[in-house]
Amino acid sequence: MKFTVHTIETAPPAAQADLQAARKANGFIPNLLGIMAEASIALKAYMEMSELLGKSGFTPVERQVMMIAGSVTNECGYCIAAHSTLAVKVRMPPPVLAALRDGNTLPDAKLEALRSFVSEVVSTRGRVSDARIQSFLDAGYTRANVLEVVFGAAMKTLSNYTNHMAETPVDAAFAPQTWTANALAGA
């Protein structure tokens, strides 16, 4: 089903201020946010979740590892392209980004612990063992980080599922990082 990628002018009134804020923050309105504007609560929730994620205990690179790992597990090309673009901006090492996008083991042990934990949380819908949680903690993360991963999974559920249903077109700004599920074929 096709969804409208709203502009400020076409969005429902309740979403217009949030789209204006998105344009001010990004220089454009990402297509995901234009689609979410159809339901102003979805748009507001995603924007507020994004802001809250920045207050987590994760570094900028770790936040992008979390967002990309969740999106790879959910096979969301739009979010992988968007977050890969952000990963480049926060100076994620290229070998880490390449492995992450391919669903492969990361060359950094701590980031790999995060990637694999996020992937397991998403794929098991949070049903991870105490031993698995302990191995995440042993890699240098905290109990707060465990719950922040759950928060990230919720955020990716909102955006990834929206993109799946809406078939969100990748923005020109994210196009250099376009990704398809075929990338996982070699993983």
Foldseek 3Di string as FASTA:
>chain_A
DAADQAALVRFDPLQNVLQVVCCVVPVHRFSLLSRCSNPNVLNVVLVVLVVVLVVAPDDQLLLLLLQLLLCLLLFQQQSLLVSLLSNVVSPDDPQQNLCSLQVHQGPDVLSSLSSVLLSCCLVVVNPDDPVSVVVNVVSPDDPSVNVSSVSSNVSNCSRRVSCVVNVGDHDPSSVVRGHGNVSNVVD
